[in-house]
Amino acid sequence: MNDLLIARLREAFPEDGMLGKEGGEIVGTSGRIWVIDLNGATFNYVRGSHNWAVSIGLCEEKRPSFGVIHAPAGDITRVGGKNVPALSNGDPINRCQRSEPNGSGAVSSVFL
């Protein structure tokens, strides 16, 4: 799957770099790098588990700018980025704040 994703991204963005967690690094010339992480896809998928997803992130000039996570078993796709609103299956993801159990008042954001 890693090789397929890299091949498809290379077709669409031939000057971008690619980095796959499961191998495959291609140096690009655009200053953009696509990072692919199969989040337990190989191990859990082969064993029939539903706990796996595919994550693809884009860094521009070494800064994260876009990401997508797709969990096929749960039919969940989440996207968001610098110029892309945070969406879960096409619906907006609202930021939420909550206090940590220890009462520290730390702020958490729901995103990807």
PDB file of N, CA and C in Angstrom:
ATOM      1  N   MET A   1       0.820  -1.183   0.000  1.00  0.00           N
ATOM      2  CA  MET A   1       0.000   0.000   0.000  1.00  0.00           C
ATOM      3  C   MET A   1       0.873   1.259   0.000  1.00  0.00           C
ATOM      4  N   ASN A   2       1.961   1.215   0.747  1.00  0.00           N
ATOM      5  CA  ASN A   2       2.880   2.350   0.809  1.00  0.00           C
ATOM      6  C   ASN A   2       3.383   2.719  -0.588  1.00  0.00           C
ATOM      7  N   ASP A   3       3.797   1.700  -1.350  1.00  0.00           N
ATOM      8  CA  ASP A   3       4.312   1.946  -2.707  1.00  0.00           C
ATOM      9  C   ASP A   3       3.232   2.517  -3.618  1.00  0.00           C
ATOM     10  N   LEU A   4       2.006   2.023  -3.482  1.00  0.00           N
ATOM     11  CA  LEU A   4       0.894   2.535  -4.290  1.00  0.00           C
ATOM     12  C   LEU A   4       0.639   4.006  -3.986  1.00  0.00           C
ATOM     13  N   LEU A   5       0.601   4.362  -2.720  1.00  0.00           N
ATOM     14  CA  LEU A   5       0.355   5.757  -2.349  1.00  0.00           C
ATOM     15  C   LEU A   5       1.470   6.666  -2.855  1.00  0.00           C
ATOM     16  N   ILE A   6       2.702   6.219  -2.703  1.00  0.00           N
ATOM     17  CA  ILE A   6       3.822   7.026  -3.206  1.00  0.00           C
ATOM     18  C   ILE A   6       3.715   7.192  -4.714  1.00  0.00           C
ATOM     19  N   ALA A   7       3.393   6.126  -5.432  1.00  0.00           N
ATOM     20  CA  ALA A   7       3.270   6.208  -6.894  1.00  0.00           C
ATOM     21  C   ALA A   7       2.171   7.196  -7.293  1.00  0.00           C
ATOM     22  N   ARG A   8       1.034   7.141  -6.623  1.00  0.00           N
ATOM     23  CA  ARG A   8      -0.076   8.043  -6.962  1.00  0.00           C
ATOM     24  C   ARG A   8       0.268   9.500  -6.643  1.00  0.00           C
ATOM     25  N   LEU A   9       0.908   9.717  -5.507  1.00  0.00           N
ATOM     26  CA  LEU A   9       1.308  11.082  -5.159  1.00  0.00           C
ATOM     27  C   LEU A   9       2.364  11.605  -6.137  1.00  0.00           C
ATOM     28  N   ARG A  10       3.280  10.729  -6.546  1.00  0.00           N
ATOM     29  CA  ARG A  10       4.311  11.134  -7.522  1.00  0.00           C
ATOM     30  C   ARG A  10       3.683  11.531  -8.856  1.00  0.00           C
ATOM     31  N   GLU A  11       2.637  10.811  -9.265  1.00  0.00           N
ATOM     32  CA  GLU A  11       1.933  11.160 -10.508  1.00  0.00           C
ATOM     33  C   GLU A  11       1.321  12.554 -10.409  1.00  0.00           C
ATOM     34  N   ALA A  12       0.701  12.834  -9.275  1.00  0.00           N
ATOM     35  CA  ALA A  12       0.018  14.112  -9.089  1.00  0.00           C
ATOM     36  C   ALA A  12       0.971  15.263  -8.771  1.00  0.00           C
ATOM     37  N   PHE A  13       2.054  14.971  -8.066  1.00  0.00           N
ATOM     38  CA  PHE A  13       2.986  16.002  -7.605  1.00  0.00           C
ATOM     39  C   PHE A  13       4.421  15.553  -7.872  1.00  0.00           C
ATOM     40  N   PRO A  14       4.852  15.507  -9.121  1.00  0.00           N
ATOM     41  CA  PRO A  14       6.144  14.915  -9.476  1.00  0.00           C
ATOM     42  C   PRO A  14       7.369  15.615  -8.888  1.00  0.00           C
ATOM     43  N   GLU A  15       7.238  16.868  -8.492  1.00  0.00           N
ATOM     44  CA  GLU A  15       8.409  17.581  -7.958  1.00  0.00           C
ATOM     45  C   GLU A  15       8.462  17.570  -6.434  1.00  0.00           C
ATOM     46  N   ASP A  16       7.474  16.957  -5.802  1.00  0.00           N
ATOM     47  CA  ASP A  16       7.437  16.905  -4.340  1.00  0.00           C
ATOM     48  C   ASP A  16       8.225  15.714  -3.823  1.00  0.00           C
ATOM     49  N   GLY A  17       8.750  15.853  -2.609  1.00  0.00           N
ATOM     50  CA  GLY A  17       9.415  14.746  -1.943  1.00  0.00           C
ATOM     51  C   GLY A  17       8.390  13.805  -1.336  1.00  0.00           C
ATOM     52  N   MET A  18       8.810  12.582  -1.085  1.00  0.00           N
ATOM     53  CA  MET A  18       7.936  11.560  -0.503  1.00  0.00           C
ATOM     54  C   MET A  18       8.698  10.843   0.600  1.00  0.00           C
ATOM     55  N   LEU A  19       7.997  10.531   1.671  1.00  0.00           N
ATOM     56  CA  LEU A  19       8.593   9.779   2.766  1.00  0.00           C
ATOM     57  C   LEU A  19       7.548   8.812   3.297  1.00  0.00           C
ATOM     58  N   GLY A  20       7.808   7.542   3.161  1.00  0.00           N
ATOM     59  CA  GLY A  20       6.899   6.526   3.663  1.00  0.00           C
ATOM     60  C   GLY A  20       7.473   5.870   4.899  1.00  0.00           C
ATOM     61  N   LYS A  21       6.668   5.748   5.930  1.00  0.00           N
ATOM     62  CA  LYS A  21       7.130   5.132   7.170  1.00  0.00           C
ATOM     63  C   LYS A  21       7.593   3.696   6.922  1.00  0.00           C
ATOM     64  N   GLU A  22       6.941   3.018   5.990  1.00  0.00           N
ATOM     65  CA  GLU A  22       7.304   1.641   5.701  1.00  0.00           C
ATOM     66  C   GLU A  22       8.284   1.552   4.537  1.00  0.00           C
ATOM     67  N   GLY A  23       9.049   2.576   4.345  1.00  0.00           N
ATOM     68  CA  GLY A  23      10.064   2.589   3.296  1.00  0.00           C
ATOM     69  C   GLY A  23       9.675   3.502   2.155  1.00  0.00           C
ATOM     70  N   GLY A  24      10.651   3.897   1.425  1.00  0.00           N
ATOM     71  CA  GLY A  24      10.414   4.745   0.270  1.00  0.00           C
ATOM     72  C   GLY A  24      10.627   6.211   0.585  1.00  0.00           C
ATOM     73  N   GLU A  25      11.793   6.705   0.241  1.00  0.00           N
ATOM     74  CA  GLU A  25      12.078   8.127   0.412  1.00  0.00           C
ATOM     75  C   GLU A  25      12.532   8.677  -0.926  1.00  0.00           C
ATOM     76  N   ILE A  26      11.882   9.730  -1.355  1.00  0.00           N
ATOM     77  CA  ILE A  26      12.219  10.380  -2.616  1.00  0.00           C
ATOM     78  C   ILE A  26      12.443  11.857  -2.328  1.00  0.00           C
ATOM     79  N   VAL A  27      13.594  12.341  -2.691  1.00  0.00           N
ATOM     80  CA  VAL A  27      13.911  13.750  -2.497  1.00  0.00           C
ATOM     81  C   VAL A  27      13.254  14.551  -3.614  1.00  0.00           C
ATOM     82  N   GLY A  28      12.572  15.616  -3.247  1.00  0.00           N
ATOM     83  CA  GLY A  28      11.911  16.464  -4.229  1.00  0.00           C
ATOM     84  C   GLY A  28      12.627  17.784  -4.404  1.00  0.00           C
ATOM     85  N   THR A  29      12.106  18.601  -5.295  1.00  0.00           N
ATOM     86  CA  THR A  29      12.707  19.911  -5.565  1.00  0.00           C
ATOM     87  C   THR A  29      11.754  21.064  -5.243  1.00  0.00           C
ATOM     88  N   SER A  30      10.525  20.763  -4.825  1.00  0.00           N
ATOM     89  CA  SER A  30       9.510  21.796  -4.630  1.00  0.00           C
ATOM     90  C   SER A  30       9.506  22.411  -3.238  1.00  0.00           C
ATOM     91  N   GLY A  31      10.195  21.786  -2.276  1.00  0.00           N
ATOM     92  CA  GLY A  31      10.119  22.248  -0.890  1.00  0.00           C
ATOM     93  C   GLY A  31       8.933  21.634  -0.153  1.00  0.00           C
ATOM     94  N   ARG A  32       8.219  20.735  -0.830  1.00  0.00           N
ATOM     95  CA  ARG A  32       7.072  20.053  -0.236  1.00  0.00           C
ATOM     96  C   ARG A  32       7.420  18.575  -0.057  1.00  0.00           C
ATOM     97  N   ILE A  33       6.994  18.010   1.076  1.00  0.00           N
ATOM     98  CA  ILE A  33       7.230  16.588   1.355  1.00  0.00           C
ATOM     99  C   ILE A  33       5.919  15.965   1.827  1.00  0.00           C
ATOM    100  N   TRP A  34       5.530  14.883   1.170  1.00  0.00           N
ATOM    101  CA  TRP A  34       4.375  14.086   1.578  1.00  0.00           C
ATOM    102  C   TRP A  34       4.871  12.978   2.491  1.00  0.00           C
ATOM    103  N   VAL A  35       4.243  12.835   3.651  1.00  0.00           N
ATOM    104  CA  VAL A  35       4.627  11.822   4.626  1.00  0.00           C
ATOM    105  C   VAL A  35       3.475  10.826   4.753  1.00  0.00           C
ATOM    106  N   ILE A  36       3.785   9.547   4.574  1.00  0.00           N
ATOM    107  CA  ILE A  36       2.769   8.499   4.585  1.00  0.00           C
ATOM    108  C   ILE A  36       3.022   7.577   5.767  1.00  0.00           C
ATOM    109  N   ASP A  37       1.971   7.365   6.555  1.00  0.00           N
ATOM    110  CA  ASP A  37       2.057   6.460   7.700  1.00  0.00           C
ATOM    111  C   ASP A  37       0.840   5.544   7.649  1.00  0.00           C
ATOM    112  N   LEU A  38       1.086   4.264   7.623  1.00  0.00           N
ATOM    113  CA  LEU A  38      -0.005   3.309   7.510  1.00  0.00           C
ATOM    114  C   LEU A  38      -0.585   2.890   8.862  1.00  0.00           C
ATOM    115  N   ASN A  39      -0.239   3.555   9.946  1.00  0.00           N
ATOM    116  CA  ASN A  39      -0.862   3.419  11.268  1.00  0.00           C
ATOM    117  C   ASN A  39      -1.378   2.023  11.602  1.00  0.00           C
ATOM    118  N   GLY A  40      -0.511   1.087  11.636  1.00  0.00           N
ATOM    119  CA  GLY A  40      -0.892  -0.271  11.992  1.00  0.00           C
ATOM    120  C   GLY A  40      -1.589  -1.029  10.879  1.00  0.00           C
ATOM    121  N   ALA A  41      -1.608  -0.459   9.690  1.00  0.00           N
ATOM    122  CA  ALA A  41      -2.352  -1.083   8.598  1.00  0.00           C
ATOM    123  C   ALA A  41      -1.839  -2.489   8.296  1.00  0.00           C
ATOM    124  N   THR A  42      -0.560  -2.654   8.193  1.00  0.00           N
ATOM    125  CA  THR A  42      -0.030  -3.965   7.839  1.00  0.00           C
ATOM    126  C   THR A  42      -0.317  -4.974   8.946  1.00  0.00           C
ATOM    127  N   PHE A  43       0.086  -4.679  10.149  1.00  0.00           N
ATOM    128  CA  PHE A  43      -0.056  -5.613  11.273  1.00  0.00           C
ATOM    129  C   PHE A  43      -1.520  -5.903  11.565  1.00  0.00           C
ATOM    130  N   ASN A  44      -2.319  -4.863  11.773  1.00  0.00           N
ATOM    131  CA  ASN A  44      -3.711  -5.061  12.176  1.00  0.00           C
ATOM    132  C   ASN A  44      -4.618  -5.524  11.033  1.00  0.00           C
ATOM    133  N   TYR A  45      -4.410  -5.016   9.854  1.00  0.00           N
ATOM    134  CA  TYR A  45      -5.237  -5.417   8.716  1.00  0.00           C
ATOM    135  C   TYR A  45      -5.092  -6.908   8.431  1.00  0.00           C
ATOM    136  N   VAL A  46      -3.868  -7.372   8.403  1.00  0.00           N
ATOM    137  CA  VAL A  46      -3.611  -8.785   8.110  1.00  0.00           C
ATOM    138  C   VAL A  46      -4.263  -9.688   9.155  1.00  0.00           C
ATOM    139  N   ARG A  47      -4.363  -9.225  10.375  1.00  0.00           N
ATOM    140  CA  ARG A  47      -4.954 -10.014  11.453  1.00  0.00           C
ATOM    141  C   ARG A  47      -6.459  -9.796  11.587  1.00  0.00           C
ATOM    142  N   GLY A  48      -7.056  -9.000  10.683  1.00  0.00           N
ATOM    143  CA  GLY A  48      -8.502  -8.795  10.699  1.00  0.00           C
ATOM    144  C   GLY A  48      -8.996  -7.749  11.680  1.00  0.00           C
ATOM    145  N   SER A  49      -8.081  -7.008  12.288  1.00  0.00           N
ATOM    146  CA  SER A  49      -8.475  -5.973  13.232  1.00  0.00           C
ATOM    147  C   SER A  49      -9.019  -4.749  12.491  1.00  0.00           C
ATOM    148  N   HIS A  50      -9.883  -4.016  13.156  1.00  0.00           N
ATOM    149  CA  HIS A  50     -10.429  -2.782  12.587  1.00  0.00           C
ATOM    150  C   HIS A  50      -9.627  -1.558  13.034  1.00  0.00           C
ATOM    151  N   ASN A  51      -8.600  -1.746  13.839  1.00  0.00           N
ATOM    152  CA  ASN A  51      -7.812  -0.643  14.384  1.00  0.00           C
ATOM    153  C   ASN A  51      -6.637  -0.303  13.485  1.00  0.00           C
ATOM    154  N   TRP A  52      -6.938   0.275  12.336  1.00  0.00           N
ATOM    155  CA  TRP A  52      -5.867   0.711  11.445  1.00  0.00           C
ATOM    156  C   TRP A  52      -6.390   1.860  10.592  1.00  0.00           C
ATOM    157  N   ALA A  53      -5.469   2.631  10.099  1.00  0.00           N
ATOM    158  CA  ALA A  53      -5.812   3.783   9.273  1.00  0.00           C
ATOM    159  C   ALA A  53      -4.621   4.135   8.390  1.00  0.00           C
ATOM    160  N   VAL A  54      -4.884   4.965   7.425  1.00  0.00           N
ATOM    161  CA  VAL A  54      -3.841   5.484   6.549  1.00  0.00           C
ATOM    162  C   VAL A  54      -3.777   6.989   6.774  1.00  0.00           C
ATOM    163  N   SER A  55      -2.602   7.488   7.065  1.00  0.00           N
ATOM    164  CA  SER A  55      -2.401   8.925   7.279  1.00  0.00           C
ATOM    165  C   SER A  55      -1.457   9.468   6.221  1.00  0.00           C
ATOM    166  N   ILE A  56      -1.819  10.604   5.668  1.00  0.00           N
ATOM    167  CA  ILE A  56      -0.957  11.291   4.715  1.00  0.00           C
ATOM    168  C   ILE A  56      -0.878  12.746   5.148  1.00  0.00           C
ATOM    169  N   GLY A  57       0.331  13.218   5.318  1.00  0.00           N
ATOM    170  CA  GLY A  57       0.542  14.605   5.704  1.00  0.00           C
ATOM    171  C   GLY A  57       1.415  15.309   4.682  1.00  0.00           C
ATOM    172  N   LEU A  58       1.225  16.590   4.582  1.00  0.00           N
ATOM    173  CA  LEU A  58       2.038  17.412   3.687  1.00  0.00           C
ATOM    174  C   LEU A  58       2.763  18.460   4.500  1.00  0.00           C
ATOM    175  N   CYS A  59       4.080  18.526   4.293  1.00  0.00           N
ATOM    176  CA  CYS A  59       4.890  19.582   4.907  1.00  0.00           C
ATOM    177  C   CYS A  59       5.398  20.483   3.793  1.00  0.00           C
ATOM    178  N   GLU A  60       5.271  21.766   4.019  1.00  0.00           N
ATOM    179  CA  GLU A  60       5.794  22.752   3.078  1.00  0.00           C
ATOM    180  C   GLU A  60       6.864  23.565   3.794  1.00  0.00           C
ATOM    181  N   GLU A  61       8.056  23.576   3.216  1.00  0.00           N
ATOM    182  CA  GLU A  61       9.195  24.258   3.840  1.00  0.00           C
ATOM    183  C   GLU A  61       9.357  23.812   5.298  1.00  0.00           C
ATOM    184  N   LYS A  62       9.247  22.501   5.513  1.00  0.00           N
ATOM    185  CA  LYS A  62       9.451  21.847   6.802  1.00  0.00           C
ATOM    186  C   LYS A  62       8.369  22.156   7.841  1.00  0.00           C
ATOM    187  N   ARG A  63       7.207  22.655   7.395  1.00  0.00           N
ATOM    188  CA  ARG A  63       6.103  22.944   8.309  1.00  0.00           C
ATOM    189  C   ARG A  63       4.863  22.179   7.863  1.00  0.00           C
ATOM    190  N   PRO A  64       4.167  21.529   8.791  1.00  0.00           N
ATOM    191  CA  PRO A  64       2.945  20.816   8.416  1.00  0.00           C
ATOM    192  C   PRO A  64       1.917  21.780   7.830  1.00  0.00           C
ATOM    193  N   SER A  65       1.272  21.375   6.723  1.00  0.00           N
ATOM    194  CA  SER A  65       0.283  22.255   6.109  1.00  0.00           C
ATOM    195  C   SER A  65      -1.026  21.558   5.758  1.00  0.00           C
ATOM    196  N   PHE A  66      -1.036  20.234   5.708  1.00  0.00           N
ATOM    197  CA  PHE A  66      -2.255  19.509   5.350  1.00  0.00           C
ATOM    198  C   PHE A  66      -2.133  18.079   5.832  1.00  0.00           C
ATOM    199  N   GLY A  67      -3.272  17.490   6.187  1.00  0.00           N
ATOM    200  CA  GLY A  67      -3.264  16.086   6.572  1.00  0.00           C
ATOM    201  C   GLY A  67      -4.597  15.434   6.305  1.00  0.00           C
ATOM    202  N   VAL A  68      -4.538  14.142   6.084  1.00  0.00           N
ATOM    203  CA  VAL A  68      -5.750  13.333   5.914  1.00  0.00           C
ATOM    204  C   VAL A  68      -5.517  11.998   6.600  1.00  0.00           C
ATOM    205  N   ILE A  69      -6.543  11.531   7.303  1.00  0.00           N
ATOM    206  CA  ILE A  69      -6.519  10.211   7.920  1.00  0.00           C
ATOM    207  C   ILE A  69      -7.760   9.484   7.435  1.00  0.00           C
ATOM    208  N   HIS A  70      -7.547   8.266   6.939  1.00  0.00           N
ATOM    209  CA  HIS A  70      -8.686   7.463   6.497  1.00  0.00           C
ATOM    210  C   HIS A  70      -8.658   6.131   7.221  1.00  0.00           C
ATOM    211  N   ALA A  71      -9.764   5.828   7.913  1.00  0.00           N
ATOM    212  CA  ALA A  71      -9.927   4.555   8.614  1.00  0.00           C
ATOM    213  C   ALA A  71     -11.041   3.787   7.907  1.00  0.00           C
ATOM    214  N   PRO A  72     -10.673   2.950   6.930  1.00  0.00           N
ATOM    215  CA  PRO A  72     -11.684   2.268   6.123  1.00  0.00           C
ATOM    216  C   PRO A  72     -12.658   1.406   6.926  1.00  0.00           C
ATOM    217  N   ALA A  73     -12.181   0.706   7.943  1.00  0.00           N
ATOM    218  CA  ALA A  73     -13.063  -0.180   8.701  1.00  0.00           C
ATOM    219  C   ALA A  73     -14.184   0.593   9.391  1.00  0.00           C
ATOM    220  N   GLY A  74     -13.913   1.817   9.786  1.00  0.00           N
ATOM    221  CA  GLY A  74     -14.925   2.645  10.427  1.00  0.00           C
ATOM    222  C   GLY A  74     -15.571   3.642   9.486  1.00  0.00           C
ATOM    223  N   ASP A  75     -15.173   3.603   8.214  1.00  0.00           N
ATOM    224  CA  ASP A  75     -15.673   4.528   7.212  1.00  0.00           C
ATOM    225  C   ASP A  75     -15.535   5.979   7.680  1.00  0.00           C
ATOM    226  N   ILE A  76     -14.333   6.303   8.174  1.00  0.00           N
ATOM    227  CA  ILE A  76     -14.052   7.642   8.693  1.00  0.00           C
ATOM    228  C   ILE A  76     -12.905   8.250   7.902  1.00  0.00           C
ATOM    229  N   THR A  77     -13.121   9.458   7.410  1.00  0.00           N
ATOM    230  CA  THR A  77     -12.068  10.215   6.752  1.00  0.00           C
ATOM    231  C   THR A  77     -12.042  11.612   7.363  1.00  0.00           C
ATOM    232  N   ARG A  78     -10.881  12.007   7.830  1.00  0.00           N
ATOM    233  CA  ARG A  78     -10.713  13.341   8.418  1.00  0.00           C
ATOM    234  C   ARG A  78      -9.613  14.066   7.672  1.00  0.00           C
ATOM    235  N   VAL A  79      -9.882  15.319   7.357  1.00  0.00           N
ATOM    236  CA  VAL A  79      -8.914  16.153   6.651  1.00  0.00           C
ATOM    237  C   VAL A  79      -8.835  17.517   7.320  1.00  0.00           C
ATOM    238  N   GLY A  80      -7.757  18.217   7.044  1.00  0.00           N
ATOM    239  CA  GLY A  80      -7.621  19.574   7.536  1.00  0.00           C
ATOM    240  C   GLY A  80      -6.229  20.087   7.252  1.00  0.00           C
ATOM    241  N   GLY A  81      -6.087  21.383   7.347  1.00  0.00           N
ATOM    242  CA  GLY A  81      -4.780  21.960   7.127  1.00  0.00           C
ATOM    243  C   GLY A  81      -4.806  23.467   7.147  1.00  0.00           C
ATOM    244  N   LYS A  82      -3.695  24.003   6.744  1.00  0.00           N
ATOM    245  CA  LYS A  82      -3.491  25.443   6.761  1.00  0.00           C
ATOM    246  C   LYS A  82      -4.581  26.177   5.986  1.00  0.00           C
ATOM    247  N   ASN A  83      -4.914  25.701   4.817  1.00  0.00           N
ATOM    248  CA  ASN A  83      -5.926  26.337   3.980  1.00  0.00           C
ATOM    249  C   ASN A  83      -7.124  25.443   3.726  1.00  0.00           C
ATOM    250  N   VAL A  84      -7.276  24.418   4.554  1.00  0.00           N
ATOM    251  CA  VAL A  84      -8.364  23.455   4.399  1.00  0.00           C
ATOM    252  C   VAL A  84      -9.065  23.328   5.751  1.00  0.00           C
ATOM    253  N   PRO A  85     -10.374  23.534   5.799  1.00  0.00           N
ATOM    254  CA  PRO A  85     -11.068  23.396   7.086  1.00  0.00           C
ATOM    255  C   PRO A  85     -11.025  21.958   7.582  1.00  0.00           C
ATOM    256  N   ALA A  86     -11.039  21.797   8.888  1.00  0.00           N
ATOM    257  CA  ALA A  86     -11.043  20.471   9.488  1.00  0.00           C
ATOM    258  C   ALA A  86     -12.417  19.836   9.287  1.00  0.00           C
ATOM    259  N   LEU A  87     -12.418  18.669   8.620  1.00  0.00           N
ATOM    260  CA  LEU A  87     -13.669  17.976   8.317  1.00  0.00           C
ATOM    261  C   LEU A  87     -13.558  16.506   8.708  1.00  0.00           C
ATOM    262  N   SER A  88     -14.656  15.949   9.146  1.00  0.00           N
ATOM    263  CA  SER A  88     -14.770  14.522   9.408  1.00  0.00           C
ATOM    264  C   SER A  88     -15.920  14.007   8.552  1.00  0.00           C
ATOM    265  N   ASN A  89     -15.595  13.200   7.566  1.00  0.00           N
ATOM    266  CA  ASN A  89     -16.583  12.705   6.603  1.00  0.00           C
ATOM    267  C   ASN A  89     -17.388  13.850   5.991  1.00  0.00           C
ATOM    268  N   GLY A  90     -16.732  14.958   5.740  1.00  0.00           N
ATOM    269  CA  GLY A  90     -17.364  16.097   5.096  1.00  0.00           C
ATOM    270  C   GLY A  90     -18.032  17.078   6.041  1.00  0.00           C
ATOM    271  N   ASP A  91     -18.152  16.724   7.307  1.00  0.00           N
ATOM    272  CA  ASP A  91     -18.772  17.609   8.294  1.00  0.00           C
ATOM    273  C   ASP A  91     -17.690  18.357   9.070  1.00  0.00           C
ATOM    274  N   PRO A  92     -17.943  19.629   9.409  1.00  0.00           N
ATOM    275  CA  PRO A  92     -16.945  20.404  10.159  1.00  0.00           C
ATOM    276  C   PRO A  92     -16.613  19.762  11.502  1.00  0.00           C
ATOM    277  N   ILE A  93     -15.354  19.834  11.851  1.00  0.00           N
ATOM    278  CA  ILE A  93     -14.896  19.403  13.171  1.00  0.00           C
ATOM    279  C   ILE A  93     -14.763  20.667  14.002  1.00  0.00           C
ATOM    280  N   ASN A  94     -15.492  20.712  15.086  1.00  0.00           N
ATOM    281  CA  ASN A  94     -15.440  21.887  15.954  1.00  0.00           C
ATOM    282  C   ASN A  94     -14.363  21.700  17.002  1.00  0.00           C
ATOM    283  N   ARG A  95     -13.684  22.782  17.294  1.00  0.00           N
ATOM    284  CA  ARG A  95     -12.693  22.728  18.361  1.00  0.00           C
ATOM    285  C   ARG A  95     -13.424  22.653  19.686  1.00  0.00           C
ATOM    286  N   CYS A  96     -12.875  21.917  20.608  1.00  0.00           N
ATOM    287  CA  CYS A  96     -13.481  21.845  21.931  1.00  0.00           C
ATOM    288  C   CYS A  96     -12.406  22.069  22.972  1.00  0.00           C
ATOM    289  N   GLN A  97     -12.834  22.508  24.110  1.00  0.00           N
ATOM    290  CA  GLN A  97     -11.920  22.687  25.224  1.00  0.00           C
ATOM    291  C   GLN A  97     -12.445  21.856  26.376  1.00  0.00           C
ATOM    292  N   ARG A  98     -11.534  21.294  27.116  1.00  0.00           N
ATOM    293  CA  ARG A  98     -11.930  20.532  28.290  1.00  0.00           C
ATOM    294  C   ARG A  98     -10.810  20.617  29.306  1.00  0.00           C
ATOM    295  N   SER A  99     -11.162  20.428  30.530  1.00  0.00           N
ATOM    296  CA  SER A  99     -10.154  20.372  31.579  1.00  0.00           C
ATOM    297  C   SER A  99      -9.610  18.962  31.664  1.00  0.00           C
ATOM    298  N   GLU A 100      -8.354  18.852  31.944  1.00  0.00           N
ATOM    299  CA  GLU A 100      -7.739  17.555  32.131  1.00  0.00           C
ATOM    300  C   GLU A 100      -8.256  16.963  33.448  1.00  0.00           C
ATOM    301  N   PRO A 101      -8.277  15.639  33.559  1.00  0.00           N
ATOM    302  CA  PRO A 101      -8.774  14.994  34.781  1.00  0.00           C
ATOM    303  C   PRO A 101      -8.069  15.467  36.048  1.00  0.00           C
ATOM    304  N   ASN A 102      -6.819  15.896  35.909  1.00  0.00           N
ATOM    305  CA  ASN A 102      -6.080  16.339  37.089  1.00  0.00           C
ATOM    306  C   ASN A 102      -6.400  17.789  37.461  1.00  0.00           C
ATOM    307  N   GLY A 103      -7.336  18.413  36.730  1.00  0.00           N
ATOM    308  CA  GLY A 103      -7.735  19.785  37.047  1.00  0.00           C
ATOM    309  C   GLY A 103      -6.780  20.838  36.549  1.00  0.00           C
ATOM    310  N   SER A 104      -5.823  20.456  35.695  1.00  0.00           N
ATOM    311  CA  SER A 104      -4.817  21.415  35.245  1.00  0.00           C
ATOM    312  C   SER A 104      -5.410  22.472  34.319  1.00  0.00           C
ATOM    313  N   GLY A 105      -6.578  22.191  33.761  1.00  0.00           N
ATOM    314  CA  GLY A 105      -7.184  23.151  32.838  1.00  0.00           C
ATOM    315  C   GLY A 105      -6.526  23.191  31.479  1.00  0.00           C
ATOM    316  N   ALA A 106      -5.704  22.198  31.163  1.00  0.00           N
ATOM    317  CA  ALA A 106      -5.044  22.169  29.850  1.00  0.00           C
ATOM    318  C   ALA A 106      -6.103  22.126  28.764  1.00  0.00           C
ATOM    319  N   VAL A 107      -5.806  22.760  27.651  1.00  0.00           N
ATOM    320  CA  VAL A 107      -6.749  22.833  26.535  1.00  0.00           C
ATOM    321  C   VAL A 107      -6.423  21.742  25.528  1.00  0.00           C
ATOM    322  N   SER A 108      -7.437  21.054  25.089  1.00  0.00           N
ATOM    323  CA  SER A 108      -7.256  20.027  24.061  1.00  0.00           C
ATOM    324  C   SER A 108      -8.055  20.433  22.836  1.00  0.00           C
ATOM    325  N   SER A 109      -7.536  20.141  21.664  1.00  0.00           N
ATOM    326  CA  SER A 109      -8.234  20.408  20.417  1.00  0.00           C
ATOM    327  C   SER A 109      -8.547  19.093  19.740  1.00  0.00           C
ATOM    328  N   VAL A 110      -9.723  18.986  19.191  1.00  0.00           N
ATOM    329  CA  VAL A 110     -10.077  17.824  18.396  1.00  0.00           C
ATOM    330  C   VAL A 110      -9.744  18.171  16.970  1.00  0.00           C
ATOM    331  N   PHE A 111      -8.908  17.385  16.334  1.00  0.00           N
ATOM    332  CA  PHE A 111      -8.588  17.647  14.935  1.00  0.00           C
ATOM    333  C   PHE A 111      -8.545  16.332  14.206  1.00  0.00           C
ATOM    334  N   LEU A 112      -7.386  15.824  13.984  1.00  0.00           N
ATOM    335  CA  LEU A 112      -7.254  14.574  13.240  1.00  0.00           C
ATOM    336  C   LEU A 112      -6.862  13.454  14.151  1.00  0.00           C
TER     337      LEU A 112
END
